[in-house]
Amino acid sequence: MNPNIFHIDENVRKNALEEHNKTEETAREDAKTIQIWMKTQHHLPEVMDEAKIINFLFMNKFNVEKTKRKIDTYYTVRSLIPDFFEQTNPKSPLMREVVDALYFGVCPKALNDKHRVFIIKVRESNKFGPRELVMHSANVTEMRLYEDCFGSGEILIFDMINVSLSDLKKLTPTVVAKILAIFQKVYSIRSEGIYILNSPSYVSVVISILKSVLKPKIFERVQVCENTDILKTIISSEDIPKDYGGEGPTLEELHEMVNLKLAFYQDRFDELDHLRVDESLRAEKLNTEEILGIYGKFKKFHFD
């Protein structure tokens, strides 16, 4: 079963293309150019699908050379940061435990018919940490690359009511560096808003970390809320999950739809288990500093 959780208005893609002075035809031409280039990069393990390349082009504002670098890094980080990718297969014991310990849902409708809205809530504390959450998020992003349109931004809603201090202590400088390598060096997804609900007092350390690593214009979009009232200003009542007093599907229902989608893409996740670059065939030596060289910016933060 392949639930349509990434539905988006047909005009959104058209408008996103027009924003970059592109049409479907010229976008496919750019994708073809990149596919031809990929065939000359013998260290890469495959030639990427057209749909995925177009989404990388969207994320990089149709800058072909920048898109090439991001696609190369998409494959490279799987070897460079193995602890984030060796157990990401949804059928692995680790990921099954993670899926059972959180809600990770996609709202039925995109906000304003273009911004994808994600709601994340921990069910049980001390079951997993930021690393495992990112691993699961990367799996969802993998599916979106095939079906979604990255021409518009996304909104992240984190409900921290069940997050413990010990959970947050797992957010070490090394983990933060690797998370940024994945989401800044591979993906360039536009963030329209990050909402932290039911925030505990110790979330202030997380905010300090975000302030030190996010671009100012992105950090300005982070809102910390003591409760969930702000949801009414973000999402329509018919889309707010019933768990929060709305009329939309429950968190459990949204979470289960994501799980069904993961199962639909199981063959792809099985492929990813073995998809690695061959550095011996890379024409120019890999500069790992470009990918992981941000560690020193925040290596001194700590939780009291």
C-alpha atoms as a PDB file:
ATOM      1  CA  MET A   1       0.000   0.000   0.000  1.00  0.00           C
ATOM      2  CA  ASN A   2       1.275   3.457  -0.952  1.00  0.00           C
ATOM      3  CA  PRO A   3      -0.690   6.141   0.963  1.00  0.00           C
ATOM      4  CA  ASN A   4      -0.666   9.565  -0.679  1.00  0.00           C
ATOM      5  CA  ILE A   5       0.787  11.491   2.259  1.00  0.00           C
ATOM      6  CA  PHE A   6       2.814  13.852   0.069  1.00  0.00           C
ATOM      7  CA  HIS A   7      -0.076  15.233  -1.960  1.00  0.00           C
ATOM      8  CA  ILE A   8       0.410  18.821  -3.032  1.00  0.00           C
ATOM      9  CA  ASP A   9      -1.602  21.173  -5.225  1.00  0.00           C
ATOM     10  CA  GLU A  10      -0.630  20.851  -8.893  1.00  0.00           C
ATOM     11  CA  ASN A  11      -0.112  24.606  -9.191  1.00  0.00           C
ATOM     12  CA  VAL A  12       2.554  24.587  -6.470  1.00  0.00           C
ATOM     13  CA  ARG A  13       5.080  22.774  -8.654  1.00  0.00           C
ATOM     14  CA  LYS A  14       4.253  24.985 -11.619  1.00  0.00           C
ATOM     15  CA  ASN A  15       4.685  28.134  -9.517  1.00  0.00           C
ATOM     16  CA  ALA A  16       7.923  26.826  -8.009  1.00  0.00           C
ATOM     17  CA  LEU A  17       9.312  26.192 -11.489  1.00  0.00           C
ATOM     18  CA  GLU A  18       8.258  29.642 -12.669  1.00  0.00           C
ATOM     19  CA  GLU A  19      10.017  31.156  -9.655  1.00  0.00           C
ATOM     20  CA  HIS A  20      13.268  29.837 -11.127  1.00  0.00           C
ATOM     21  CA  ASN A  21      12.309  30.632 -14.727  1.00  0.00           C
ATOM     22  CA  LYS A  22      11.927  26.934 -15.435  1.00  0.00           C
ATOM     23  CA  THR A  23       9.372  24.692 -17.094  1.00  0.00           C
ATOM     24  CA  GLU A  24       8.909  20.939 -16.737  1.00  0.00           C
ATOM     25  CA  GLU A  25      10.848  20.533 -19.973  1.00  0.00           C
ATOM     26  CA  THR A  26      13.846  22.669 -18.971  1.00  0.00           C
ATOM     27  CA  ALA A  27      13.898  21.072 -15.497  1.00  0.00           C
ATOM     28  CA  ARG A  28      14.124  17.646 -17.125  1.00  0.00           C
ATOM     29  CA  GLU A  29      16.908  18.940 -19.379  1.00  0.00           C
ATOM     30  CA  ASP A  30      18.890  20.040 -16.312  1.00  0.00           C
ATOM     31  CA  ALA A  31      18.257  16.650 -14.714  1.00  0.00           C
ATOM     32  CA  LYS A  32      19.492  14.931 -17.876  1.00  0.00           C
ATOM     33  CA  THR A  33      22.657  17.036 -17.796  1.00  0.00           C
ATOM     34  CA  ILE A  34      23.316  15.873 -14.247  1.00  0.00           C
ATOM     35  CA  GLN A  35      22.615  12.246 -15.131  1.00  0.00           C
ATOM     36  CA  ILE A  36      25.169  12.458 -17.946  1.00  0.00           C
ATOM     37  CA  TRP A  37      27.663  13.946 -15.476  1.00  0.00           C
ATOM     38  CA  MET A  38      26.961  11.183 -12.950  1.00  0.00           C
ATOM     39  CA  LYS A  39      27.890   8.558 -15.528  1.00  0.00           C
ATOM     40  CA  THR A  40      31.371  10.104 -15.661  1.00  0.00           C
ATOM     41  CA  GLN A  41      31.766  10.025 -11.865  1.00  0.00           C
ATOM     42  CA  HIS A  42      32.892   6.439 -11.482  1.00  0.00           C
ATOM     43  CA  HIS A  43      33.041   6.611  -7.685  1.00  0.00           C
ATOM     44  CA  LEU A  44      29.277   7.129  -7.475  1.00  0.00           C
ATOM     45  CA  PRO A  45      27.262   3.922  -7.003  1.00  0.00           C
ATOM     46  CA  GLU A  46      24.322   4.742  -9.291  1.00  0.00           C
ATOM     47  CA  VAL A  47      22.756   7.275 -11.622  1.00  0.00           C
ATOM     48  CA  MET A  48      20.006   9.038  -9.726  1.00  0.00           C
ATOM     49  CA  ASP A  49      16.369   9.056 -10.860  1.00  0.00           C
ATOM     50  CA  GLU A  50      15.118  12.124 -12.699  1.00  0.00           C
ATOM     51  CA  ALA A  51      12.471  12.945 -10.079  1.00  0.00           C
ATOM     52  CA  LYS A  52      15.043  12.950  -7.285  1.00  0.00           C
ATOM     53  CA  ILE A  53      17.468  15.097  -9.258  1.00  0.00           C
ATOM     54  CA  ILE A  54      14.761  17.658  -9.945  1.00  0.00           C
ATOM     55  CA  ASN A  55      14.062  17.883  -6.228  1.00  0.00           C
ATOM     56  CA  PHE A  56      17.774  18.434  -5.581  1.00  0.00           C
ATOM     57  CA  LEU A  57      17.633  21.156  -8.236  1.00  0.00           C
ATOM     58  CA  PHE A  58      14.707  22.747  -6.407  1.00  0.00           C
ATOM     59  CA  MET A  59      16.633  22.670  -3.128  1.00  0.00           C
ATOM     60  CA  ASN A  60      19.587  24.359  -4.808  1.00  0.00           C
ATOM     61  CA  LYS A  61      17.592  26.908  -6.796  1.00  0.00           C
ATOM     62  CA  PHE A  62      18.449  25.140 -10.060  1.00  0.00           C
ATOM     63  CA  ASN A  63      22.154  25.842  -9.704  1.00  0.00           C
ATOM     64  CA  VAL A  64      23.423  22.813 -11.600  1.00  0.00           C
ATOM     65  CA  GLU A  65      26.994  22.867 -10.243  1.00  0.00           C
ATOM     66  CA  LYS A  66      25.822  23.223  -6.650  1.00  0.00           C
ATOM     67  CA  THR A  67      23.319  20.433  -7.229  1.00  0.00           C
ATOM     68  CA  LYS A  68      26.105  18.156  -8.470  1.00  0.00           C
ATOM     69  CA  ARG A  69      28.050  18.751  -5.251  1.00  0.00           C
ATOM     70  CA  LYS A  70      25.000  18.047  -3.083  1.00  0.00           C
ATOM     71  CA  ILE A  71      24.213  14.834  -4.951  1.00  0.00           C
ATOM     72  CA  ASP A  72      27.816  13.682  -4.579  1.00  0.00           C
ATOM     73  CA  THR A  73      27.612  14.387  -0.840  1.00  0.00           C
ATOM     74  CA  TYR A  74      24.274  12.557  -0.633  1.00  0.00           C
ATOM     75  CA  TYR A  75      26.159   9.362  -1.460  1.00  0.00           C
ATOM     76  CA  THR A  76      29.424  10.258   0.276  1.00  0.00           C
ATOM     77  CA  VAL A  77      27.981  10.824   3.761  1.00  0.00           C
ATOM     78  CA  ARG A  78      26.782   7.247   3.860  1.00  0.00           C
ATOM     79  CA  SER A  79      30.421   6.192   4.162  1.00  0.00           C
ATOM     80  CA  LEU A  80      31.681   9.309   5.913  1.00  0.00           C
ATOM     81  CA  ILE A  81      29.113   9.135   8.733  1.00  0.00           C
ATOM     82  CA  PRO A  82      28.408   5.392   8.977  1.00  0.00           C
ATOM     83  CA  ASP A  83      26.858   5.568  12.450  1.00  0.00           C
ATOM     84  CA  PHE A  84      23.963   7.527  10.938  1.00  0.00           C
ATOM     85  CA  PHE A  85      23.402   5.172   8.003  1.00  0.00           C
ATOM     86  CA  GLU A  86      24.394   1.621   8.856  1.00  0.00           C
ATOM     87  CA  GLN A  87      21.176   0.803  10.721  1.00  0.00           C
ATOM     88  CA  THR A  88      18.691   3.105   9.009  1.00  0.00           C
ATOM     89  CA  ASN A  89      16.779   0.364   7.218  1.00  0.00           C
ATOM     90  CA  PRO A  90      13.198   0.583   8.574  1.00  0.00           C
ATOM     91  CA  LYS A  91      13.159  -3.163   9.185  1.00  0.00           C
ATOM     92  CA  SER A  92      16.284  -3.048  11.386  1.00  0.00           C
ATOM     93  CA  PRO A  93      15.704  -3.690  15.121  1.00  0.00           C
ATOM     94  CA  LEU A  94      16.966  -0.194  15.964  1.00  0.00           C
ATOM     95  CA  MET A  95      14.588   1.634  13.638  1.00  0.00           C
ATOM     96  CA  ARG A  96      11.663  -0.540  14.678  1.00  0.00           C
ATOM     97  CA  GLU A  97      12.323   0.466  18.262  1.00  0.00           C
ATOM     98  CA  VAL A  98      12.510   4.126  17.266  1.00  0.00           C
ATOM     99  CA  VAL A  99       9.256   3.952  15.303  1.00  0.00           C
ATOM    100  CA  ASP A 100       7.514   2.396  18.302  1.00  0.00           C
ATOM    101  CA  ALA A 101       8.760   5.142  20.620  1.00  0.00           C
ATOM    102  CA  LEU A 102       7.634   8.231  18.717  1.00  0.00           C
ATOM    103  CA  TYR A 103       4.977   9.779  16.520  1.00  0.00           C
ATOM    104  CA  PHE A 104       6.247  11.134  13.208  1.00  0.00           C
ATOM    105  CA  GLY A 105       3.374  12.429  11.134  1.00  0.00           C
ATOM    106  CA  VAL A 106       2.796  14.414   7.968  1.00  0.00           C
ATOM    107  CA  CYS A 107      -0.230  16.702   8.026  1.00  0.00           C
ATOM    108  CA  PRO A 108      -2.852  15.709   5.410  1.00  0.00           C
ATOM    109  CA  LYS A 109      -2.720  19.073   3.672  1.00  0.00           C
ATOM    110  CA  ALA A 110       0.224  21.298   2.916  1.00  0.00           C
ATOM    111  CA  LEU A 111      -0.033  24.683   4.631  1.00  0.00           C
ATOM    112  CA  ASN A 112      -1.274  27.286   2.165  1.00  0.00           C
ATOM    113  CA  ASP A 113      -1.218  24.415  -0.343  1.00  0.00           C
ATOM    114  CA  LYS A 114       2.588  24.454  -0.453  1.00  0.00           C
ATOM    115  CA  HIS A 115       4.401  24.125   2.896  1.00  0.00           C
ATOM    116  CA  ARG A 116       4.795  20.560   4.140  1.00  0.00           C
ATOM    117  CA  VAL A 117       3.992  20.267   7.867  1.00  0.00           C
ATOM    118  CA  PHE A 118       5.559  17.605  10.090  1.00  0.00           C
ATOM    119  CA  ILE A 119       4.551  16.836  13.664  1.00  0.00           C
ATOM    120  CA  ILE A 120       6.986  14.915  15.845  1.00  0.00           C
ATOM    121  CA  LYS A 121       6.291  13.728  19.370  1.00  0.00           C
ATOM    122  CA  VAL A 122       8.213  11.335  21.591  1.00  0.00           C
ATOM    123  CA  ARG A 123       5.987   8.648  23.105  1.00  0.00           C
ATOM    124  CA  GLU A 124       8.536   7.186  25.494  1.00  0.00           C
ATOM    125  CA  SER A 125      11.593   8.974  26.841  1.00  0.00           C
ATOM    126  CA  ASN A 126      15.027   7.363  27.066  1.00  0.00           C
ATOM    127  CA  LYS A 127      14.289   5.065  24.108  1.00  0.00           C
ATOM    128  CA  PHE A 128      16.309   6.908  21.467  1.00  0.00           C
ATOM    129  CA  GLY A 129      18.202  10.126  20.887  1.00  0.00           C
ATOM    130  CA  PRO A 130      18.660  12.872  18.287  1.00  0.00           C
ATOM    131  CA  ARG A 131      20.794  10.588  16.124  1.00  0.00           C
ATOM    132  CA  GLU A 132      18.017   8.029  15.732  1.00  0.00           C
ATOM    133  CA  LEU A 133      15.442  10.747  15.067  1.00  0.00           C
ATOM    134  CA  VAL A 134      17.609  12.091  12.255  1.00  0.00           C
ATOM    135  CA  MET A 135      18.010   8.576  10.860  1.00  0.00           C
ATOM    136  CA  HIS A 136      14.228   8.234  10.709  1.00  0.00           C
ATOM    137  CA  SER A 137      13.872  11.737   9.241  1.00  0.00           C
ATOM    138  CA  ALA A 138      16.389  10.848   6.536  1.00  0.00           C
ATOM    139  CA  ASN A 139      14.252   7.852   5.599  1.00  0.00           C
ATOM    140  CA  VAL A 140      11.202  10.082   5.259  1.00  0.00           C
ATOM    141  CA  THR A 141      13.220  12.543   3.177  1.00  0.00           C
ATOM    142  CA  GLU A 142      14.329   9.684   0.918  1.00  0.00           C
ATOM    143  CA  MET A 143      10.692   8.917   0.130  1.00  0.00           C
ATOM    144  CA  ARG A 144       9.884  12.587  -0.394  1.00  0.00           C
ATOM    145  CA  LEU A 145      12.628  12.861  -3.006  1.00  0.00           C
ATOM    146  CA  TYR A 146      10.604  10.512  -5.208  1.00  0.00           C
ATOM    147  CA  GLU A 147       7.124  11.940  -4.655  1.00  0.00           C
ATOM    148  CA  ASP A 148       7.129  15.389  -3.068  1.00  0.00           C
ATOM    149  CA  CYS A 149       7.954  18.827  -4.438  1.00  0.00           C
ATOM    150  CA  PHE A 150      10.836  20.573  -2.685  1.00  0.00           C
ATOM    151  CA  GLY A 151      10.031  23.855  -4.380  1.00  0.00           C
ATOM    152  CA  SER A 152       8.416  25.161  -1.196  1.00  0.00           C
ATOM    153  CA  GLY A 153       9.464  25.128   2.430  1.00  0.00           C
ATOM    154  CA  GLU A 154       8.467  22.982   5.352  1.00  0.00           C
ATOM    155  CA  ILE A 155       7.280  23.505   8.907  1.00  0.00           C
ATOM    156  CA  LEU A 156       8.525  21.346  11.777  1.00  0.00           C
ATOM    157  CA  ILE A 157       6.497  20.965  14.961  1.00  0.00           C
ATOM    158  CA  PHE A 158       8.222  19.236  17.892  1.00  0.00           C
ATOM    159  CA  ASP A 159       6.132  18.309  20.922  1.00  0.00           C
ATOM    160  CA  MET A 160       8.632  17.874  23.752  1.00  0.00           C
ATOM    161  CA  ILE A 161       6.227  16.914  26.516  1.00  0.00           C
ATOM    162  CA  ASN A 162       7.824  13.474  26.931  1.00  0.00           C
ATOM    163  CA  VAL A 163      11.427  14.459  26.230  1.00  0.00           C
ATOM    164  CA  SER A 164      13.725  13.972  29.217  1.00  0.00           C
ATOM    165  CA  LEU A 165      16.953  15.733  30.106  1.00  0.00           C
ATOM    166  CA  SER A 166      18.829  12.485  29.484  1.00  0.00           C
ATOM    167  CA  ASP A 167      17.377  12.448  25.951  1.00  0.00           C
ATOM    168  CA  LEU A 168      18.764  15.917  25.269  1.00  0.00           C
ATOM    169  CA  LYS A 169      22.152  15.065  26.751  1.00  0.00           C
ATOM    170  CA  LYS A 170      22.619  12.763  23.773  1.00  0.00           C
ATOM    171  CA  LEU A 171      22.860  15.900  21.634  1.00  0.00           C
ATOM    172  CA  THR A 172      26.659  16.009  21.789  1.00  0.00           C
ATOM    173  CA  PRO A 173      28.845  18.312  19.662  1.00  0.00           C
ATOM    174  CA  THR A 174      29.809  15.369  17.470  1.00  0.00           C
ATOM    175  CA  VAL A 175      26.164  14.445  16.895  1.00  0.00           C
ATOM    176  CA  VAL A 176      25.280  18.059  16.070  1.00  0.00           C
ATOM    177  CA  ALA A 177      28.154  18.273  13.574  1.00  0.00           C
ATOM    178  CA  LYS A 178      26.972  15.136  11.819  1.00  0.00           C
ATOM    179  CA  ILE A 179      23.337  16.275  11.783  1.00  0.00           C
ATOM    180  CA  LEU A 180      24.381  19.537  10.152  1.00  0.00           C
ATOM    181  CA  ALA A 181      26.507  17.656   7.640  1.00  0.00           C
ATOM    182  CA  ILE A 182      23.405  15.732   6.595  1.00  0.00           C
ATOM    183  CA  PHE A 183      20.892  18.561   6.529  1.00  0.00           C
ATOM    184  CA  GLN A 184      23.124  21.411   5.371  1.00  0.00           C
ATOM    185  CA  LYS A 185      25.680  19.675   3.181  1.00  0.00           C
ATOM    186  CA  VAL A 186      23.263  17.202   1.572  1.00  0.00           C
ATOM    187  CA  TYR A 187      19.796  18.704   1.783  1.00  0.00           C
ATOM    188  CA  SER A 188      18.965  22.393   1.515  1.00  0.00           C
ATOM    189  CA  ILE A 189      15.342  22.220   2.563  1.00  0.00           C
ATOM    190  CA  ARG A 190      13.737  25.583   3.218  1.00  0.00           C
ATOM    191  CA  SER A 191      12.511  25.937   6.772  1.00  0.00           C
ATOM    192  CA  GLU A 192       9.440  28.148   7.055  1.00  0.00           C
ATOM    193  CA  GLY A 193       9.084  27.580  10.791  1.00  0.00           C
ATOM    194  CA  ILE A 194      10.255  25.427  13.690  1.00  0.00           C
ATOM    195  CA  TYR A 195       7.856  25.220  16.627  1.00  0.00           C
ATOM    196  CA  ILE A 196       8.902  23.635  19.914  1.00  0.00           C
ATOM    197  CA  LEU A 197       5.791  22.814  21.956  1.00  0.00           C
ATOM    198  CA  ASN A 198       5.468  21.939  25.653  1.00  0.00           C
ATOM    199  CA  SER A 199       9.065  22.993  26.105  1.00  0.00           C
ATOM    200  CA  PRO A 200      10.801  22.075  29.385  1.00  0.00           C
ATOM    201  CA  SER A 201      13.108  24.559  31.108  1.00  0.00           C
ATOM    202  CA  TYR A 202      16.223  22.734  29.940  1.00  0.00           C
ATOM    203  CA  VAL A 203      15.311  23.293  26.307  1.00  0.00           C
ATOM    204  CA  SER A 204      17.240  26.574  26.630  1.00  0.00           C
ATOM    205  CA  VAL A 205      20.466  24.671  25.968  1.00  0.00           C
ATOM    206  CA  VAL A 206      19.027  23.325  22.720  1.00  0.00           C
ATOM    207  CA  ILE A 207      18.027  26.854  21.722  1.00  0.00           C
ATOM    208  CA  SER A 208      21.583  28.029  22.390  1.00  0.00           C
ATOM    209  CA  ILE A 209      22.884  25.262  20.154  1.00  0.00           C
ATOM    210  CA  LEU A 210      20.446  26.165  17.384  1.00  0.00           C
ATOM    211  CA  LYS A 211      21.411  29.828  17.635  1.00  0.00           C
ATOM    212  CA  SER A 212      25.090  28.953  17.241  1.00  0.00           C
ATOM    213  CA  VAL A 213      24.651  26.775  14.160  1.00  0.00           C
ATOM    214  CA  LEU A 214      21.631  28.088  12.252  1.00  0.00           C
ATOM    215  CA  LYS A 215      21.691  31.045   9.922  1.00  0.00           C
ATOM    216  CA  PRO A 216      20.117  34.089  11.654  1.00  0.00           C
ATOM    217  CA  LYS A 217      17.153  34.179   9.270  1.00  0.00           C
ATOM    218  CA  ILE A 218      16.436  30.506  10.045  1.00  0.00           C
ATOM    219  CA  PHE A 219      16.907  30.890  13.793  1.00  0.00           C
ATOM    220  CA  GLU A 220      14.382  33.747  13.773  1.00  0.00           C
ATOM    221  CA  ARG A 221      11.781  31.205  12.666  1.00  0.00           C
ATOM    222  CA  VAL A 222      12.259  29.069  15.789  1.00  0.00           C
ATOM    223  CA  GLN A 223       9.452  29.552  18.313  1.00  0.00           C
ATOM    224  CA  VAL A 224       9.461  28.025  21.788  1.00  0.00           C
ATOM    225  CA  CYS A 225       6.003  27.498  23.291  1.00  0.00           C
ATOM    226  CA  GLU A 226       4.963  26.392  26.774  1.00  0.00           C
ATOM    227  CA  ASN A 227       1.860  24.632  25.438  1.00  0.00           C
ATOM    228  CA  THR A 228       0.184  23.725  22.145  1.00  0.00           C
ATOM    229  CA  ASP A 229      -2.086  26.750  21.684  1.00  0.00           C
ATOM    230  CA  ILE A 230       0.013  28.073  18.807  1.00  0.00           C
ATOM    231  CA  LEU A 231      -1.130  25.168  16.628  1.00  0.00           C
ATOM    232  CA  LYS A 232      -4.393  27.035  16.040  1.00  0.00           C
ATOM    233  CA  THR A 233      -2.437  29.810  14.332  1.00  0.00           C
ATOM    234  CA  ILE A 234      -0.404  27.430  12.166  1.00  0.00           C
ATOM    235  CA  ILE A 235      -2.841  24.770  10.988  1.00  0.00           C
ATOM    236  CA  SER A 236      -6.564  24.874  10.286  1.00  0.00           C
ATOM    237  CA  SER A 237      -8.790  23.177  12.857  1.00  0.00           C
ATOM    238  CA  GLU A 238      -9.727  20.444  10.378  1.00  0.00           C
ATOM    239  CA  ASP A 239      -6.054  19.461  10.057  1.00  0.00           C
ATOM    240  CA  ILE A 240      -4.970  19.748  13.705  1.00  0.00           C
ATOM    241  CA  PRO A 241      -4.676  16.201  15.111  1.00  0.00           C
ATOM    242  CA  LYS A 242      -7.443  15.143  17.467  1.00  0.00           C
ATOM    243  CA  ASP A 243      -4.774  14.735  20.145  1.00  0.00           C
ATOM    244  CA  TYR A 244      -4.581  18.541  20.244  1.00  0.00           C
ATOM    245  CA  GLY A 245      -8.298  19.245  20.068  1.00  0.00           C
ATOM    246  CA  GLY A 246      -8.564  19.487  16.296  1.00  0.00           C
ATOM    247  CA  GLU A 247     -10.617  17.599  13.733  1.00  0.00           C
ATOM    248  CA  GLY A 248      -7.755  15.975  11.847  1.00  0.00           C
ATOM    249  CA  PRO A 249      -6.407  12.429  12.049  1.00  0.00           C
ATOM    250  CA  THR A 250      -4.794  11.364  15.315  1.00  0.00           C
ATOM    251  CA  LEU A 251      -1.025  11.311  15.710  1.00  0.00           C
ATOM    252  CA  GLU A 252      -1.240   7.527  15.677  1.00  0.00           C
ATOM    253  CA  GLU A 253      -3.064   7.578  12.333  1.00  0.00           C
ATOM    254  CA  LEU A 254      -0.593  10.037  10.791  1.00  0.00           C
ATOM    255  CA  HIS A 255       2.310   7.994  12.111  1.00  0.00           C
ATOM    256  CA  GLU A 256       0.884   4.771  10.703  1.00  0.00           C
ATOM    257  CA  MET A 257       0.531   6.316   7.234  1.00  0.00           C
ATOM    258  CA  VAL A 258       4.243   7.151   7.294  1.00  0.00           C
ATOM    259  CA  ASN A 259       4.988   3.566   8.334  1.00  0.00           C
ATOM    260  CA  LEU A 260       2.941   2.236   5.417  1.00  0.00           C
ATOM    261  CA  LYS A 261       4.861   4.502   3.072  1.00  0.00           C
ATOM    262  CA  LEU A 262       8.152   3.221   4.502  1.00  0.00           C
ATOM    263  CA  ALA A 263       7.019  -0.349   3.842  1.00  0.00           C
ATOM    264  CA  PHE A 264       6.159   0.573   0.246  1.00  0.00           C
ATOM    265  CA  TYR A 265       9.743   1.767  -0.274  1.00  0.00           C
ATOM    266  CA  GLN A 266      11.358  -1.214   1.447  1.00  0.00           C
ATOM    267  CA  ASP A 267      13.184  -2.308  -1.715  1.00  0.00           C
ATOM    268  CA  ARG A 268      14.851   1.101  -1.933  1.00  0.00           C
ATOM    269  CA  PHE A 269      15.956   0.975   1.703  1.00  0.00           C
ATOM    270  CA  ASP A 270      17.411  -2.481   1.072  1.00  0.00           C
ATOM    271  CA  GLU A 271      19.415  -0.971  -1.802  1.00  0.00           C
ATOM    272  CA  LEU A 272      20.639   1.852   0.411  1.00  0.00           C
ATOM    273  CA  ASP A 273      22.136  -0.685   2.809  1.00  0.00           C
ATOM    274  CA  HIS A 274      24.836  -1.364   0.226  1.00  0.00           C
ATOM    275  CA  LEU A 275      24.980   1.925  -1.666  1.00  0.00           C
ATOM    276  CA  ARG A 276      28.415   3.444  -1.012  1.00  0.00           C
ATOM    277  CA  VAL A 277      30.918   5.506  -2.961  1.00  0.00           C
ATOM    278  CA  ASP A 278      34.197   3.958  -4.089  1.00  0.00           C
ATOM    279  CA  GLU A 279      36.783   6.540  -3.025  1.00  0.00           C
ATOM    280  CA  SER A 280      39.506   4.741  -4.986  1.00  0.00           C
ATOM    281  CA  LEU A 281      37.713   5.813  -8.172  1.00  0.00           C
ATOM    282  CA  ARG A 282      37.147   9.466  -7.206  1.00  0.00           C
ATOM    283  CA  ALA A 283      38.966  11.796  -9.626  1.00  0.00           C
ATOM    284  CA  GLU A 284      39.820  14.346  -6.918  1.00  0.00           C
ATOM    285  CA  LYS A 285      40.569  13.437  -3.313  1.00  0.00           C
ATOM    286  CA  LEU A 286      37.645  13.969  -0.946  1.00  0.00           C
ATOM    287  CA  ASN A 287      37.986  16.971   1.381  1.00  0.00           C
ATOM    288  CA  THR A 288      36.184  15.771   4.501  1.00  0.00           C
ATOM    289  CA  GLU A 289      36.816  19.141   6.170  1.00  0.00           C
ATOM    290  CA  GLU A 290      34.274  20.708   3.811  1.00  0.00           C
ATOM    291  CA  ILE A 291      31.616  18.340   5.123  1.00  0.00           C
ATOM    292  CA  LEU A 292      32.526  17.876   8.791  1.00  0.00           C
ATOM    293  CA  GLY A 293      34.664  20.948   9.419  1.00  0.00           C
ATOM    294  CA  ILE A 294      31.991  22.732  11.467  1.00  0.00           C
ATOM    295  CA  TYR A 295      32.590  20.774  14.663  1.00  0.00           C
ATOM    296  CA  GLY A 296      34.722  23.431  16.382  1.00  0.00           C
ATOM    297  CA  LYS A 297      31.970  26.039  16.283  1.00  0.00           C
ATOM    298  CA  PHE A 298      30.049  24.525  19.179  1.00  0.00           C
ATOM    299  CA  LYS A 299      32.218  21.900  20.873  1.00  0.00           C
ATOM    300  CA  LYS A 300      31.979  23.547  24.306  1.00  0.00           C
ATOM    301  CA  PHE A 301      28.252  23.461  25.007  1.00  0.00           C
ATOM    302  CA  HIS A 302      27.002  21.296  27.864  1.00  0.00           C
ATOM    303  CA  PHE A 303      23.895  20.446  29.857  1.00  0.00           C
ATOM    304  CA  ASP A 304      23.811  21.259  33.564  1.00  0.00           C
END
